[in-house]
Amino acid sequence: MLDTIKKLIDARKNKTLLLAQTALPEHQYSAFRKLFLDEFGKSGLESDLERLFNEKSAHTRKTRHGQE
């Protein structure tokens, strides 16, 4: 499920970057792209989602094994 969510986000990231590239001068686009990918890429949203899914998965395993 996490992979499906990442693919959906990636498609929208690509569209957003394409739109920004057509609307911004090159130097502004470069700065925007870096900030955008920092927020929505592996060091931002993607890592947050992975952490949430891992926490949920760990909680589910504990519940199934009667540890909670």
N, C-alpha and C. Protein backbone atom coordinates (compact mmCIF):
# COMPACT_ATOMS: atom_id res chain seq x y z
N MET A 1 0.81 -1.19 0.00
CA MET A 1 0.00 0.00 0.00
C MET A 1 0.86 1.26 0.00
N LEU A 2 1.96 1.25 0.76
CA LEU A 2 2.85 2.40 0.80
C LEU A 2 3.42 2.69 -0.59
N ASP A 3 3.80 1.65 -1.31
CA ASP A 3 4.34 1.84 -2.66
C ASP A 3 3.31 2.49 -3.58
N THR A 4 2.06 2.10 -3.45
CA THR A 4 0.99 2.68 -4.27
C THR A 4 0.83 4.17 -3.95
N ILE A 5 0.87 4.50 -2.68
CA ILE A 5 0.76 5.91 -2.27
C ILE A 5 1.94 6.71 -2.82
N LYS A 6 3.14 6.15 -2.71
CA LYS A 6 4.32 6.84 -3.23
C LYS A 6 4.21 7.08 -4.73
N LYS A 7 3.70 6.10 -5.47
CA LYS A 7 3.54 6.27 -6.91
C LYS A 7 2.54 7.38 -7.23
N LEU A 8 1.45 7.44 -6.48
CA LEU A 8 0.46 8.50 -6.68
C LEU A 8 1.07 9.88 -6.39
N ILE A 9 1.84 9.96 -5.33
CA ILE A 9 2.50 11.22 -4.97
C ILE A 9 3.53 11.59 -6.02
N ASP A 10 4.31 10.62 -6.48
CA ASP A 10 5.33 10.89 -7.51
C ASP A 10 4.71 11.46 -8.78
N ALA A 11 3.59 10.93 -9.19
CA ALA A 11 2.93 11.43 -10.40
C ALA A 11 2.54 12.90 -10.22
N ARG A 12 2.04 13.24 -9.06
CA ARG A 12 1.66 14.62 -8.80
C ARG A 12 2.87 15.53 -8.61
N LYS A 13 3.94 14.99 -8.04
CA LYS A 13 5.18 15.77 -7.93
C LYS A 13 5.69 16.13 -9.32
N ASN A 14 5.68 15.15 -10.22
CA ASN A 14 6.16 15.40 -11.57
C ASN A 14 5.33 16.46 -12.29
N LYS A 15 4.02 16.40 -12.13
CA LYS A 15 3.15 17.40 -12.76
C LYS A 15 3.41 18.78 -12.16
N THR A 16 3.57 18.84 -10.86
CA THR A 16 3.82 20.12 -10.20
C THR A 16 5.15 20.71 -10.64
N LEU A 17 6.17 19.87 -10.74
CA LEU A 17 7.48 20.35 -11.18
C LEU A 17 7.44 20.83 -12.63
N LEU A 18 6.69 20.14 -13.48
CA LEU A 18 6.55 20.56 -14.87
C LEU A 18 5.87 21.92 -14.95
N LEU A 19 4.82 22.09 -14.18
CA LEU A 19 4.12 23.37 -14.13
C LEU A 19 5.05 24.48 -13.65
N ALA A 20 5.79 24.22 -12.59
CA ALA A 20 6.72 25.23 -12.07
C ALA A 20 7.80 25.55 -13.09
N GLN A 21 8.27 24.56 -13.80
CA GLN A 21 9.32 24.78 -14.80
C GLN A 21 8.83 25.69 -15.93
N THR A 22 7.57 25.54 -16.30
CA THR A 22 7.03 26.39 -17.36
C THR A 22 6.73 27.81 -16.87
N ALA A 23 6.51 27.98 -15.57
CA ALA A 23 6.09 29.27 -15.04
C ALA A 23 7.22 30.11 -14.44
N LEU A 24 8.31 29.48 -14.07
CA LEU A 24 9.37 30.20 -13.36
C LEU A 24 10.63 30.35 -14.21
N PRO A 25 11.37 31.44 -14.00
CA PRO A 25 12.69 31.54 -14.63
C PRO A 25 13.59 30.42 -14.09
N GLU A 26 14.60 30.06 -14.85
CA GLU A 26 15.44 28.90 -14.52
C GLU A 26 16.00 28.96 -13.09
N HIS A 27 16.55 30.09 -12.66
CA HIS A 27 17.15 30.15 -11.33
C HIS A 27 16.08 29.98 -10.23
N GLN A 28 14.89 30.51 -10.45
CA GLN A 28 13.83 30.33 -9.47
C GLN A 28 13.32 28.89 -9.48
N TYR A 29 13.23 28.31 -10.67
CA TYR A 29 12.79 26.91 -10.76
C TYR A 29 13.78 26.00 -10.03
N SER A 30 15.06 26.23 -10.21
CA SER A 30 16.06 25.38 -9.54
C SER A 30 15.89 25.43 -8.02
N ALA A 31 15.68 26.62 -7.49
CA ALA A 31 15.48 26.76 -6.04
C ALA A 31 14.16 26.10 -5.62
N PHE A 32 13.11 26.33 -6.39
CA PHE A 32 11.82 25.73 -6.08
C PHE A 32 11.91 24.21 -6.09
N ARG A 33 12.54 23.66 -7.13
CA ARG A 33 12.66 22.21 -7.27
C ARG A 33 13.38 21.60 -6.06
N LYS A 34 14.48 22.23 -5.64
CA LYS A 34 15.22 21.71 -4.49
C LYS A 34 14.35 21.71 -3.24
N LEU A 35 13.70 22.83 -2.96
CA LEU A 35 12.85 22.92 -1.77
C LEU A 35 11.66 21.96 -1.85
N PHE A 36 11.06 21.88 -3.01
CA PHE A 36 9.90 21.01 -3.22
C PHE A 36 10.27 19.55 -2.98
N LEU A 37 11.39 19.13 -3.56
CA LEU A 37 11.81 17.73 -3.40
C LEU A 37 12.27 17.44 -1.97
N ASP A 38 12.85 18.44 -1.31
CA ASP A 38 13.20 18.25 0.11
C ASP A 38 11.95 18.00 0.94
N GLU A 39 10.89 18.72 0.66
CA GLU A 39 9.65 18.59 1.42
C GLU A 39 8.87 17.32 1.08
N PHE A 40 8.80 16.98 -0.19
CA PHE A 40 7.94 15.87 -0.63
C PHE A 40 8.72 14.62 -1.01
N GLY A 41 10.03 14.68 -0.99
CA GLY A 41 10.85 13.54 -1.39
C GLY A 41 11.26 12.66 -0.23
N LYS A 42 12.38 11.97 -0.42
CA LYS A 42 12.84 10.97 0.54
C LYS A 42 13.16 11.54 1.93
N SER A 43 13.58 12.79 1.98
CA SER A 43 13.91 13.37 3.30
C SER A 43 12.73 14.11 3.92
N GLY A 44 11.61 14.13 3.24
CA GLY A 44 10.42 14.82 3.76
C GLY A 44 9.24 13.90 3.91
N LEU A 45 8.25 14.13 3.08
CA LEU A 45 6.99 13.39 3.16
C LEU A 45 7.18 11.88 3.04
N GLU A 46 8.03 11.45 2.12
CA GLU A 46 8.21 10.00 1.95
C GLU A 46 8.73 9.34 3.22
N SER A 47 9.69 9.96 3.88
CA SER A 47 10.20 9.37 5.13
C SER A 47 9.15 9.41 6.23
N ASP A 48 8.34 10.48 6.25
CA ASP A 48 7.25 10.55 7.24
C ASP A 48 6.25 9.42 7.01
N LEU A 49 5.89 9.18 5.76
CA LEU A 49 4.95 8.10 5.44
C LEU A 49 5.52 6.74 5.81
N GLU A 50 6.79 6.52 5.50
CA GLU A 50 7.42 5.24 5.85
C GLU A 50 7.40 5.03 7.36
N ARG A 51 7.71 6.08 8.11
CA ARG A 51 7.70 5.97 9.57
C ARG A 51 6.30 5.64 10.07
N LEU A 52 5.28 6.33 9.55
CA LEU A 52 3.91 6.06 9.97
C LEU A 52 3.48 4.63 9.64
N PHE A 53 3.81 4.17 8.44
CA PHE A 53 3.45 2.80 8.07
C PHE A 53 4.19 1.78 8.92
N ASN A 54 5.45 2.05 9.23
CA ASN A 54 6.21 1.13 10.09
C ASN A 54 5.64 1.10 11.50
N GLU A 55 5.25 2.26 12.02
CA GLU A 55 4.64 2.31 13.35
C GLU A 55 3.32 1.55 13.37
N LYS A 56 2.51 1.76 12.36
CA LYS A 56 1.22 1.08 12.28
C LYS A 56 1.42 -0.43 12.16
N SER A 57 2.40 -0.82 11.35
CA SER A 57 2.68 -2.24 11.17
C SER A 57 3.14 -2.87 12.48
N ALA A 58 4.00 -2.18 13.22
CA ALA A 58 4.48 -2.70 14.50
C ALA A 58 3.32 -2.80 15.49
N HIS A 59 2.45 -1.80 15.50
CA HIS A 59 1.29 -1.81 16.40
C HIS A 59 0.36 -2.98 16.05
N THR A 60 0.15 -3.21 14.77
CA THR A 60 -0.72 -4.30 14.32
C THR A 60 -0.14 -5.65 14.74
N ARG A 61 1.18 -5.81 14.62
CA ARG A 61 1.81 -7.08 15.02
C ARG A 61 1.66 -7.32 16.52
N LYS A 62 1.83 -6.26 17.30
CA LYS A 62 1.68 -6.39 18.76
C LYS A 62 0.25 -6.78 19.12
N THR A 63 -0.70 -6.14 18.49
CA THR A 63 -2.11 -6.41 18.77
C THR A 63 -2.47 -7.84 18.41
N ARG A 64 -1.98 -8.33 17.30
CA ARG A 64 -2.26 -9.70 16.87
C ARG A 64 -1.66 -10.73 17.81
N HIS A 65 -0.55 -10.37 18.44
CA HIS A 65 0.12 -11.32 19.32
C HIS A 65 -0.27 -11.11 20.78
N GLY A 66 -1.28 -10.31 21.01
CA GLY A 66 -1.82 -10.11 22.36
C GLY A 66 -0.91 -9.33 23.27
N GLN A 67 -0.02 -8.54 22.71
CA GLN A 67 0.92 -7.78 23.54
C GLN A 67 0.35 -6.44 23.94
N GLU A 68 -0.84 -6.11 23.51
CA GLU A 68 -1.40 -4.82 23.84
C GLU A 68 -2.79 -4.94 24.38
